[in-house]
PDB file of all heavy atoms in Angstrom:
ATOM      1  N   GLY A   1     -52.751  -3.920  58.163  1.00  0.00           N
ATOM      2  CA  GLY A   1     -51.322  -3.560  58.017  1.00  0.00           C
ATOM      3  C   GLY A   1     -50.809  -4.020  56.648  1.00  0.00           C
ATOM      4  O   GLY A   1     -50.101  -3.224  56.010  1.00  0.00           O
ATOM      5  N   VAL A   2     -51.203  -5.161  56.206  1.00  0.00           N
ATOM      6  CA  VAL A   2     -50.752  -5.630  54.926  1.00  0.00           C
ATOM      7  C   VAL A   2     -51.359  -4.757  53.793  1.00  0.00           C
ATOM      8  O   VAL A   2     -50.645  -4.374  52.876  1.00  0.00           O
ATOM      9  CB  VAL A   2     -51.253  -7.122  54.686  1.00  0.00           C
ATOM     10  CG1 VAL A   2     -51.130  -7.521  53.217  1.00  0.00           C
ATOM     11  CG2 VAL A   2     -50.413  -8.063  55.551  1.00  0.00           C
ATOM     12  N   LEU A   3     -52.595  -4.451  53.903  1.00  0.00           N
ATOM     13  CA  LEU A   3     -53.239  -3.631  52.784  1.00  0.00           C
ATOM     14  C   LEU A   3     -52.723  -2.227  52.790  1.00  0.00           C
ATOM     15  O   LEU A   3     -52.618  -1.618  51.721  1.00  0.00           O
ATOM     16  CB  LEU A   3     -54.736  -3.662  52.998  1.00  0.00           C
ATOM     17  CG  LEU A   3     -55.430  -5.025  52.734  1.00  0.00           C
ATOM     18  CD1 LEU A   3     -56.912  -4.926  53.027  1.00  0.00           C
ATOM     19  CD2 LEU A   3     -55.090  -5.593  51.357  1.00  0.00           C
ATOM     20  N   ALA A   4     -52.338  -1.674  53.896  1.00  0.00           N
ATOM     21  CA  ALA A   4     -51.784  -0.359  54.006  1.00  0.00           C
ATOM     22  C   ALA A   4     -50.441  -0.296  53.265  1.00  0.00           C
ATOM     23  O   ALA A   4     -50.188   0.592  52.474  1.00  0.00           O
ATOM     24  CB  ALA A   4     -51.607   0.043  55.433  1.00  0.00           C
ATOM     25  N   GLU A   5     -49.639  -1.257  53.458  1.00  0.00           N
ATOM     26  CA  GLU A   5     -48.343  -1.315  52.801  1.00  0.00           C
ATOM     27  C   GLU A   5     -48.495  -1.645  51.309  1.00  0.00           C
ATOM     28  O   GLU A   5     -47.768  -1.145  50.461  1.00  0.00           O
ATOM     29  CB  GLU A   5     -47.358  -2.386  53.436  1.00  0.00           C
ATOM     30  CG  GLU A   5     -47.036  -2.080  54.892  1.00  0.00           C
ATOM     31  CD  GLU A   5     -46.548  -0.670  55.140  1.00  0.00           C
ATOM     32  OE1 GLU A   5     -45.646  -0.260  54.380  1.00  0.00           O
ATOM     33  OE2 GLU A   5     -47.081   0.041  55.995  1.00  0.00           O
ATOM     34  N   ALA A   6     -49.493  -2.466  50.957  1.00  0.00           N
ATOM     35  CA  ALA A   6     -49.750  -2.816  49.586  1.00  0.00           C
ATOM     36  C   ALA A   6     -50.233  -1.584  48.832  1.00  0.00           C
ATOM     37  O   ALA A   6     -49.834  -1.383  47.625  1.00  0.00           O
ATOM     38  CB  ALA A   6     -50.820  -3.972  49.518  1.00  0.00           C
ATOM     39  N   LYS A   7     -51.013  -0.764  49.422  1.00  0.00           N
ATOM     40  CA  LYS A   7     -51.526   0.483  48.746  1.00  0.00           C
ATOM     41  C   LYS A   7     -50.305   1.435  48.605  1.00  0.00           C
ATOM     42  O   LYS A   7     -50.208   2.147  47.582  1.00  0.00           O
ATOM     43  CB  LYS A   7     -52.608   1.116  49.541  1.00  0.00           C
ATOM     44  CG  LYS A   7     -53.884   0.289  49.549  1.00  0.00           C
ATOM     45  CD  LYS A   7     -54.904   0.820  50.465  1.00  0.00           C
ATOM     46  CE  LYS A   7     -56.175  -0.051  50.397  1.00  0.00           C
ATOM     47  NZ  LYS A   7     -57.202   0.355  51.407  1.00  0.00           N
ATOM     48  N   LYS A   8     -49.447   1.537  49.573  1.00  0.00           N
ATOM     49  CA  LYS A   8     -48.241   2.383  49.432  1.00  0.00           C
ATOM     50  C   LYS A   8     -47.354   1.807  48.297  1.00  0.00           C
ATOM     51  O   LYS A   8     -46.809   2.661  47.529  1.00  0.00           O
ATOM     52  CB  LYS A   8     -47.516   2.424  50.733  1.00  0.00           C
ATOM     53  CG  LYS A   8     -48.089   3.268  51.866  1.00  0.00           C
ATOM     54  CD  LYS A   8     -47.526   2.918  53.174  1.00  0.00           C
ATOM     55  CE  LYS A   8     -46.091   3.031  53.337  1.00  0.00           C
ATOM     56  NZ  LYS A   8     -45.617   2.724  54.774  1.00  0.00           N
ATOM     57  N   ALA A   9     -47.235   0.579  48.195  1.00  0.00           N
ATOM     58  CA  ALA A   9     -46.388  -0.035  47.131  1.00  0.00           C
ATOM     59  C   ALA A   9     -47.116   0.217  45.741  1.00  0.00           C
ATOM     60  O   ALA A   9     -46.359   0.519  44.827  1.00  0.00           O
ATOM     61  CB  ALA A   9     -46.328  -1.537  47.354  1.00  0.00           C
ATOM     62  N   HIS A  10     -48.375   0.181  45.724  1.00  0.00           N
ATOM     63  CA  HIS A  10     -49.146   0.555  44.483  1.00  0.00           C
ATOM     64  C   HIS A  10     -48.804   1.958  44.036  1.00  0.00           C
ATOM     65  O   HIS A  10     -48.560   2.234  42.843  1.00  0.00           O
ATOM     66  CB  HIS A  10     -50.636   0.336  44.633  1.00  0.00           C
ATOM     67  CG  HIS A  10     -51.421   0.763  43.480  1.00  0.00           C
ATOM     68  ND1 HIS A  10     -51.626   0.000  42.357  1.00  0.00           N
ATOM     69  CD2 HIS A  10     -52.067   1.917  43.281  1.00  0.00           C
ATOM     70  CE1 HIS A  10     -52.402   0.643  41.565  1.00  0.00           C
ATOM     71  NE2 HIS A  10     -52.736   1.843  42.052  1.00  0.00           N
ATOM     72  N   ALA A  11     -48.887   2.879  45.010  1.00  0.00           N
ATOM     73  CA  ALA A  11     -48.570   4.277  44.678  1.00  0.00           C
ATOM     74  C   ALA A  11     -47.086   4.491  44.244  1.00  0.00           C
ATOM     75  O   ALA A  11     -46.831   5.455  43.503  1.00  0.00           O
ATOM     76  CB  ALA A  11     -48.898   5.127  45.891  1.00  0.00           C
ATOM     77  N   ALA A  12     -46.214   3.626  44.730  1.00  0.00           N
ATOM     78  CA  ALA A  12     -44.847   3.754  44.325  1.00  0.00           C
ATOM     79  C   ALA A  12     -44.478   2.930  43.089  1.00  0.00           C
ATOM     80  O   ALA A  12     -43.295   2.796  42.812  1.00  0.00           O
ATOM     81  CB  ALA A  12     -44.024   3.361  45.523  1.00  0.00           C
ATOM     82  N   ASN A  13     -45.472   2.369  42.432  1.00  0.00           N
ATOM     83  CA  ASN A  13     -45.233   1.555  41.242  1.00  0.00           C
ATOM     84  C   ASN A  13     -44.389   0.380  41.448  1.00  0.00           C
ATOM     85  O   ASN A  13     -43.611  -0.019  40.578  1.00  0.00           O
ATOM     86  CB  ASN A  13     -44.647   2.436  40.081  1.00  0.00           C
ATOM     87  CG  ASN A  13     -45.508   3.661  39.699  1.00  0.00           C
ATOM     88  OD1 ASN A  13     -46.702   3.459  39.413  1.00  0.00           O
ATOM     89  ND2 ASN A  13     -45.007   4.801  39.796  1.00  0.00           N
ATOM     90  N   VAL A  14     -44.605  -0.268  42.623  1.00  0.00           N
ATOM     91  CA  VAL A  14     -43.796  -1.500  42.922  1.00  0.00           C
ATOM     92  C   VAL A  14     -44.418  -2.636  42.230  1.00  0.00           C
ATOM     93  O   VAL A  14     -45.650  -2.726  42.082  1.00  0.00           O
ATOM     94  CB  VAL A  14     -43.818  -1.721  44.457  1.00  0.00           C
ATOM     95  CG1 VAL A  14     -43.172  -3.060  44.802  1.00  0.00           C
ATOM     96  CG2 VAL A  14     -43.034  -0.567  45.145  1.00  0.00           C
ATOM     97  N   ASP A  15     -43.565  -3.620  41.697  1.00  0.00           N
ATOM     98  CA  ASP A  15     -44.071  -4.771  41.081  1.00  0.00           C
ATOM     99  C   ASP A  15     -44.240  -5.957  41.995  1.00  0.00           C
ATOM    100  O   ASP A  15     -45.087  -6.721  41.741  1.00  0.00           O
ATOM    101  CB  ASP A  15     -43.026  -5.206  39.972  1.00  0.00           C
ATOM    102  CG  ASP A  15     -42.900  -4.083  38.872  1.00  0.00           C
ATOM    103  OD1 ASP A  15     -43.890  -3.739  38.295  1.00  0.00           O
ATOM    104  OD2 ASP A  15     -41.751  -3.550  38.650  1.00  0.00           O
ATOM    105  N   LEU A  16     -43.394  -6.035  42.981  1.00  0.00           N
ATOM    106  CA  LEU A  16     -43.451  -7.286  43.903  1.00  0.00           C
ATOM    107  C   LEU A  16     -43.147  -6.814  45.350  1.00  0.00           C
ATOM    108  O   LEU A  16     -42.157  -6.121  45.595  1.00  0.00           O
ATOM    109  CB  LEU A  16     -42.358  -8.256  43.482  1.00  0.00           C
ATOM    110  CG  LEU A  16     -42.099  -9.510  44.315  1.00  0.00           C
ATOM    111  CD1 LEU A  16     -43.334 -10.428  44.245  1.00  0.00           C
ATOM    112  CD2 LEU A  16     -40.830 -10.159  43.846  1.00  0.00           C
ATOM    113  N   VAL A  17     -44.026  -7.222  46.211  1.00  0.00           N
ATOM    114  CA  VAL A  17     -43.853  -6.900  47.640  1.00  0.00           C
ATOM    115  C   VAL A  17     -43.776  -8.195  48.453  1.00  0.00           C
ATOM    116  O   VAL A  17     -44.622  -9.082  48.311  1.00  0.00           O
ATOM    117  CB  VAL A  17     -45.057  -6.053  48.169  1.00  0.00           C
ATOM    118  CG1 VAL A  17     -44.744  -5.602  49.619  1.00  0.00           C
ATOM    119  CG2 VAL A  17     -45.367  -4.873  47.313  1.00  0.00           C
ATOM    120  N   VAL A  18     -42.771  -8.301  49.274  1.00  0.00           N
ATOM    121  CA  VAL A  18     -42.541  -9.462  50.101  1.00  0.00           C
ATOM    122  C   VAL A  18     -42.692  -9.115  51.531  1.00  0.00           C
ATOM    123  O   VAL A  18     -42.111  -8.226  52.122  1.00  0.00           O
ATOM    124  CB  VAL A  18     -41.094  -9.976  49.846  1.00  0.00           C
ATOM    125  CG1 VAL A  18     -40.912 -11.274  50.826  1.00  0.00           C
ATOM    126  CG2 VAL A  18     -40.848 -10.416  48.445  1.00  0.00           C
ATOM    127  N   PHE A  19     -43.736  -9.818  52.160  1.00  0.00           N
ATOM    128  CA  PHE A  19     -44.049  -9.605  53.588  1.00  0.00           C
ATOM    129  C   PHE A  19     -43.371 -10.599  54.454  1.00  0.00           C
ATOM    130  O   PHE A  19     -42.833 -11.629  53.990  1.00  0.00           O
ATOM    131  CB  PHE A  19     -45.588  -9.639  53.783  1.00  0.00           C
ATOM    132  CG  PHE A  19     -46.338  -8.524  53.189  1.00  0.00           C
ATOM    133  CD1 PHE A  19     -46.706  -8.578  51.841  1.00  0.00           C
ATOM    134  CD2 PHE A  19     -46.604  -7.429  53.923  1.00  0.00           C
ATOM    135  CE1 PHE A  19     -47.457  -7.544  51.253  1.00  0.00           C
ATOM    136  CE2 PHE A  19     -47.316  -6.317  53.348  1.00  0.00           C
ATOM    137  CZ  PHE A  19     -47.708  -6.392  52.025  1.00  0.00           C
ATOM    138  N   PRO A  20     -43.364 -10.443  55.825  1.00  0.00           N
ATOM    139  CA  PRO A  20     -42.730 -11.400  56.679  1.00  0.00           C
ATOM    140  C   PRO A  20     -43.492 -12.758  56.807  1.00  0.00           C
ATOM    141  O   PRO A  20     -44.613 -12.809  56.383  1.00  0.00           O
ATOM    142  CB  PRO A  20     -42.722 -10.685  58.030  1.00  0.00           C
ATOM    143  CG  PRO A  20     -42.914  -9.231  57.712  1.00  0.00           C
ATOM    144  CD  PRO A  20     -43.731  -9.186  56.471  1.00  0.00           C
ATOM    145  N   GLU A  21     -42.866 -13.607  57.461  1.00  0.00           N
ATOM    146  CA  GLU A  21     -43.457 -15.009  57.614  1.00  0.00           C
ATOM    147  C   GLU A  21     -44.685 -14.878  58.535  1.00  0.00           C
ATOM    148  O   GLU A  21     -44.754 -14.110  59.468  1.00  0.00           O
ATOM    149  CB  GLU A  21     -42.337 -15.824  58.348  1.00  0.00           C
ATOM    150  CG  GLU A  21     -42.695 -17.252  58.540  1.00  0.00           C
ATOM    151  CD  GLU A  21     -41.546 -18.024  59.231  1.00  0.00           C
ATOM    152  OE1 GLU A  21     -40.554 -17.329  59.616  1.00  0.00           O
ATOM    153  OE2 GLU A  21     -41.618 -19.280  59.217  1.00  0.00           O
ATOM    154  N   LEU A  22     -45.741 -15.707  58.108  1.00  0.00           N
ATOM    155  CA  LEU A  22     -46.910 -15.760  58.891  1.00  0.00           C
ATOM    156  C   LEU A  22     -47.501 -14.328  59.170  1.00  0.00           C
ATOM    157  O   LEU A  22     -47.930 -13.981  60.277  1.00  0.00           O
ATOM    158  CB  LEU A  22     -46.804 -16.562  60.205  1.00  0.00           C
ATOM    159  CG  LEU A  22     -46.408 -18.033  60.012  1.00  0.00           C
ATOM    160  CD1 LEU A  22     -46.230 -18.698  61.423  1.00  0.00           C
ATOM    161  CD2 LEU A  22     -47.455 -18.799  59.190  1.00  0.00           C
ATOM    162  N   THR A  23     -47.569 -13.605  58.090  1.00  0.00           N
ATOM    163  CA  THR A  23     -47.871 -12.191  58.189  1.00  0.00           C
ATOM    164  C   THR A  23     -49.269 -12.001  58.809  1.00  0.00           C
ATOM    165  O   THR A  23     -49.486 -11.127  59.671  1.00  0.00           O
ATOM    166  CB  THR A  23     -47.949 -11.564  56.705  1.00  0.00           C
ATOM    167  OG1 THR A  23     -46.945 -12.103  55.927  1.00  0.00           O
ATOM    168  CG2 THR A  23     -47.819 -10.077  56.830  1.00  0.00           C
ATOM    169  N   LEU A  24     -50.270 -12.770  58.409  1.00  0.00           N
ATOM    170  CA  LEU A  24     -51.664 -12.531  58.853  1.00  0.00           C
ATOM    171  C   LEU A  24     -51.930 -13.012  60.249  1.00  0.00           C
ATOM    172  O   LEU A  24     -52.728 -12.359  61.010  1.00  0.00           O
ATOM    173  CB  LEU A  24     -52.610 -13.204  57.903  1.00  0.00           C
ATOM    174  CG  LEU A  24     -52.568 -12.703  56.420  1.00  0.00           C
ATOM    175  CD1 LEU A  24     -53.563 -13.402  55.518  1.00  0.00           C
ATOM    176  CD2 LEU A  24     -52.915 -11.151  56.401  1.00  0.00           C
ATOM    177  N   SER A  25     -51.252 -14.049  60.694  1.00  0.00           N
ATOM    178  CA  SER A  25     -51.565 -14.596  61.985  1.00  0.00           C
ATOM    179  C   SER A  25     -50.603 -14.063  63.099  1.00  0.00           C
ATOM    180  O   SER A  25     -50.980 -14.105  64.348  1.00  0.00           O
ATOM    181  CB  SER A  25     -51.496 -16.121  61.998  1.00  0.00           C
ATOM    182  OG  SER A  25     -50.166 -16.530  61.636  1.00  0.00           O
ATOM    183  N   SER A  26     -49.484 -13.620  62.698  1.00  0.00           N
ATOM    184  CA  SER A  26     -48.275 -13.387  63.581  1.00  0.00           C
ATOM    185  C   SER A  26     -47.508 -14.716  63.673  1.00  0.00           C
ATOM    186  O   SER A  26     -48.112 -15.838  63.526  1.00  0.00           O
ATOM    187  CB  SER A  26     -48.561 -12.946  64.902  1.00  0.00           C
ATOM    188  OG  SER A  26     -49.346 -11.704  64.859  1.00  0.00           O
ATOM    189  N   TYR A  27     -46.206 -14.602  63.950  1.00  0.00           N
ATOM    190  CA  TYR A  27     -45.332 -15.793  63.971  1.00  0.00           C
ATOM    191  C   TYR A  27     -45.338 -16.422  65.382  1.00  0.00           C
ATOM    192  O   TYR A  27     -45.552 -17.592  65.595  1.00  0.00           O
ATOM    193  CB  TYR A  27     -43.936 -15.493  63.513  1.00  0.00           C
ATOM    194  CG  TYR A  27     -43.009 -16.607  63.649  1.00  0.00           C
ATOM    195  CD1 TYR A  27     -42.920 -17.642  62.686  1.00  0.00           C
ATOM    196  CD2 TYR A  27     -42.148 -16.699  64.703  1.00  0.00           C
ATOM    197  CE1 TYR A  27     -42.066 -18.659  62.811  1.00  0.00           C
ATOM    198  CE2 TYR A  27     -41.271 -17.803  64.848  1.00  0.00           C
ATOM    199  CZ  TYR A  27     -41.193 -18.770  63.842  1.00  0.00           C
ATOM    200  OH  TYR A  27     -40.345 -19.867  64.077  1.00  0.00           O
ATOM    201  N   ALA A  28     -44.944 -15.553  66.376  1.00  0.00           N
ATOM    202  CA  ALA A  28     -44.666 -16.157  67.716  1.00  0.00           C
ATOM    203  C   ALA A  28     -45.960 -16.268  68.555  1.00  0.00           C
ATOM    204  O   ALA A  28     -46.117 -15.562  69.627  1.00  0.00           O
ATOM    205  CB  ALA A  28     -43.688 -15.261  68.484  1.00  0.00           C
ATOM    206  N   ILE A  29     -46.789 -17.137  68.093  1.00  0.00           N
ATOM    207  CA  ILE A  29     -48.044 -17.344  68.858  1.00  0.00           C
ATOM    208  C   ILE A  29     -48.252 -18.788  69.360  1.00  0.00           C
ATOM    209  O   ILE A  29     -49.326 -19.111  69.821  1.00  0.00           O
ATOM    210  CB  ILE A  29     -49.267 -16.883  68.014  1.00  0.00           C
ATOM    211  CG1 ILE A  29     -49.378 -17.654  66.671  1.00  0.00           C
ATOM    212  CG2 ILE A  29     -49.281 -15.388  67.718  1.00  0.00           C
ATOM    213  CD1 ILE A  29     -50.607 -17.333  65.898  1.00  0.00           C
ATOM    214  N   ASP A  30     -47.271 -19.576  69.100  1.00  0.00           N
ATOM    215  CA  ASP A  30     -47.170 -20.886  69.740  1.00  0.00           C
ATOM    216  C   ASP A  30     -48.450 -21.693  69.471  1.00  0.00           C
ATOM    217  O   ASP A  30     -48.902 -21.864  68.358  1.00  0.00           O
ATOM    218  CB  ASP A  30     -46.904 -20.827  71.221  1.00  0.00           C
ATOM    219  CG  ASP A  30     -45.504 -20.177  71.444  1.00  0.00           C
ATOM    220  OD1 ASP A  30     -44.543 -20.641  70.799  1.00  0.00           O
ATOM    221  OD2 ASP A  30     -45.372 -19.323  72.323  1.00  0.00           O
ATOM    222  N   ASP A  31     -49.057 -22.189  70.516  1.00  0.00           N
ATOM    223  CA  ASP A  31     -50.189 -23.105  70.306  1.00  0.00           C
ATOM    224  C   ASP A  31     -51.484 -22.522  69.855  1.00  0.00           C
ATOM    225  O   ASP A  31     -52.493 -23.137  69.545  1.00  0.00           O
ATOM    226  CB  ASP A  31     -50.583 -23.871  71.635  1.00  0.00           C
ATOM    227  CG  ASP A  31     -49.404 -24.890  71.941  1.00  0.00           C
ATOM    228  OD1 ASP A  31     -48.544 -25.107  71.087  1.00  0.00           O
ATOM    229  OD2 ASP A  31     -49.414 -25.519  72.999  1.00  0.00           O
ATOM    230  N   LEU A  32     -51.497 -21.159  69.743  1.00  0.00           N
ATOM    231  CA  LEU A  32     -52.677 -20.465  69.089  1.00  0.00           C
ATOM    232  C   LEU A  32     -52.750 -20.892  67.670  1.00  0.00           C
ATOM    233  O   LEU A  32     -53.852 -20.804  67.115  1.00  0.00           O
ATOM    234  CB  LEU A  32     -52.540 -18.956  69.235  1.00  0.00           C
ATOM    235  CG  LEU A  32     -52.491 -18.337  70.696  1.00  0.00           C
ATOM    236  CD1 LEU A  32     -52.507 -16.846  70.585  1.00  0.00           C
ATOM    237  CD2 LEU A  32     -53.689 -18.860  71.464  1.00  0.00           C
ATOM    238  N   LEU A  33     -51.673 -21.376  67.116  1.00  0.00           N
ATOM    239  CA  LEU A  33     -51.701 -21.852  65.699  1.00  0.00           C
ATOM    240  C   LEU A  33     -52.560 -23.107  65.618  1.00  0.00           C
ATOM    241  O   LEU A  33     -52.919 -23.523  64.438  1.00  0.00           O
ATOM    242  CB  LEU A  33     -50.329 -22.156  65.179  1.00  0.00           C
ATOM    243  CG  LEU A  33     -49.457 -20.933  64.976  1.00  0.00           C
ATOM    244  CD1 LEU A  33     -47.925 -21.274  64.846  1.00  0.00           C
ATOM    245  CD2 LEU A  33     -49.863 -20.204  63.641  1.00  0.00           C
ATOM    246  N   LEU A  34     -52.884 -23.752  66.685  1.00  0.00           N
ATOM    247  CA  LEU A  34     -53.691 -24.996  66.663  1.00  0.00           C
ATOM    248  C   LEU A  34     -55.130 -24.731  66.956  1.00  0.00           C
ATOM    249  O   LEU A  34     -55.951 -25.611  67.122  1.00  0.00           O
ATOM    250  CB  LEU A  34     -53.136 -26.008  67.656  1.00  0.00           C
ATOM    251  CG  LEU A  34     -51.645 -26.388  67.394  1.00  0.00           C
ATOM    252  CD1 LEU A  34     -51.192 -27.415  68.435  1.00  0.00           C
ATOM    253  CD2 LEU A  34     -51.493 -27.045  66.002  1.00  0.00           C
ATOM    254  N   GLN A  35     -55.514 -23.455  67.052  1.00  0.00           N
ATOM    255  CA  GLN A  35     -56.846 -22.982  67.299  1.00  0.00           C
ATOM    256  C   GLN A  35     -57.651 -22.869  65.973  1.00  0.00           C
ATOM    257  O   GLN A  35     -57.235 -22.051  65.100  1.00  0.00           O
ATOM    258  CB  GLN A  35     -56.897 -21.725  68.101  1.00  0.00           C
ATOM    259  CG  GLN A  35     -56.380 -21.851  69.488  1.00  0.00           C
ATOM    260  CD  GLN A  35     -57.298 -22.624  70.424  1.00  0.00           C
ATOM    261  OE1 GLN A  35     -58.524 -22.363  70.441  1.00  0.00           O
ATOM    262  NE2 GLN A  35     -56.786 -23.632  71.069  1.00  0.00           N
ATOM    263  N   HIS A  36     -58.787 -23.536  65.830  1.00  0.00           N
ATOM    264  CA  HIS A  36     -59.543 -23.552  64.643  1.00  0.00           C
ATOM    265  C   HIS A  36     -60.048 -22.040  64.304  1.00  0.00           C
ATOM    266  O   HIS A  36     -60.077 -21.662  63.193  1.00  0.00           O
ATOM    267  CB  HIS A  36     -60.683 -24.453  64.722  1.00  0.00           C
ATOM    268  CG  HIS A  36     -60.349 -25.910  64.740  1.00  0.00           C
ATOM    269  ND1 HIS A  36     -59.788 -26.529  63.643  1.00  0.00           N
ATOM    270  CD2 HIS A  36     -60.420 -26.891  65.688  1.00  0.00           C
ATOM    271  CE1 HIS A  36     -59.529 -27.781  63.886  1.00  0.00           C
ATOM    272  NE2 HIS A  36     -59.955 -28.051  65.158  1.00  0.00           N
ATOM    273  N   ALA A  37     -60.415 -21.390  65.359  1.00  0.00           N
ATOM    274  CA  ALA A  37     -60.906 -19.999  65.127  1.00  0.00           C
ATOM    275  C   ALA A  37     -59.847 -19.141  64.448  1.00  0.00           C
ATOM    276  O   ALA A  37     -60.189 -18.410  63.498  1.00  0.00           O
ATOM    277  CB  ALA A  37     -61.326 -19.396  66.420  1.00  0.00           C
ATOM    278  N   LEU A  38     -58.630 -19.243  64.848  1.00  0.00           N
ATOM    279  CA  LEU A  38     -57.555 -18.444  64.239  1.00  0.00           C
ATOM    280  C   LEU A  38     -57.315 -18.868  62.811  1.00  0.00           C
ATOM    281  O   LEU A  38     -57.228 -18.082  61.928  1.00  0.00           O
ATOM    282  CB  LEU A  38     -56.307 -18.563  64.999  1.00  0.00           C
ATOM    283  CG  LEU A  38     -55.112 -17.702  64.475  1.00  0.00           C
ATOM    284  CD1 LEU A  38     -55.185 -16.274  65.062  1.00  0.00           C
ATOM    285  CD2 LEU A  38     -53.759 -18.343  64.794  1.00  0.00           C
ATOM    286  N   ILE A  39     -57.257 -20.146  62.554  1.00  0.00           N
ATOM    287  CA  ILE A  39     -56.948 -20.601  61.212  1.00  0.00           C
ATOM    288  C   ILE A  39     -58.070 -20.218  60.272  1.00  0.00           C
ATOM    289  O   ILE A  39     -57.806 -19.829  59.108  1.00  0.00           O
ATOM    290  CB  ILE A  39     -56.789 -22.167  61.203  1.00  0.00           C
ATOM    291  CG1 ILE A  39     -55.604 -22.559  62.108  1.00  0.00           C
ATOM    292  CG2 ILE A  39     -56.514 -22.687  59.789  1.00  0.00           C
ATOM    293  CD1 ILE A  39     -54.269 -21.915  61.802  1.00  0.00           C
ATOM    294  N   GLU A  40     -59.263 -20.330  60.696  1.00  0.00           N
ATOM    295  CA  GLU A  40     -60.420 -19.910  59.859  1.00  0.00           C
ATOM    296  C   GLU A  40     -60.401 -18.454  59.596  1.00  0.00           C
ATOM    297  O   GLU A  40     -60.737 -17.966  58.490  1.00  0.00           O
ATOM    298  CB  GLU A  40     -61.731 -20.417  60.420  1.00  0.00           C
ATOM    299  CG  GLU A  40     -61.902 -21.921  60.494  1.00  0.00           C
ATOM    300  CD  GLU A  40     -63.066 -22.377  61.345  1.00  0.00           C
ATOM    301  OE1 GLU A  40     -63.786 -21.451  61.936  1.00  0.00           O
ATOM    302  OE2 GLU A  40     -63.348 -23.537  61.412  1.00  0.00           O
ATOM    303  N   ARG A  41     -60.129 -17.642  60.667  1.00  0.00           N
ATOM    304  CA  ARG A  41     -60.036 -16.150  60.434  1.00  0.00           C
ATOM    305  C   ARG A  41     -58.971 -15.814  59.450  1.00  0.00           C
ATOM    306  O   ARG A  41     -59.133 -14.847  58.735  1.00  0.00           O
ATOM    307  CB  ARG A  41     -59.821 -15.512  61.808  1.00  0.00           C
ATOM    308  CG  ARG A  41     -59.845 -13.979  61.770  1.00  0.00           C
ATOM    309  CD  ARG A  41     -61.178 -13.486  61.296  1.00  0.00           C
ATOM    310  NE  ARG A  41     -61.215 -12.054  61.115  1.00  0.00           N
ATOM    311  CZ  ARG A  41     -60.884 -11.409  60.011  1.00  0.00           C
ATOM    312  NH1 ARG A  41     -60.634 -12.086  58.916  1.00  0.00           N
ATOM    313  NH2 ARG A  41     -60.991 -10.048  59.910  1.00  0.00           N
TER     314      ARG A  41
END
């Protein structure tokens, strides 16, 4: 999802793109944030 929007921004000649908080992991995942597998991924 990040790369799809980044490519759209590139095509639109955007200089700076700001994504939401904890974009890659998701935000509302509670104790999954303490899982090594997730952090490494």
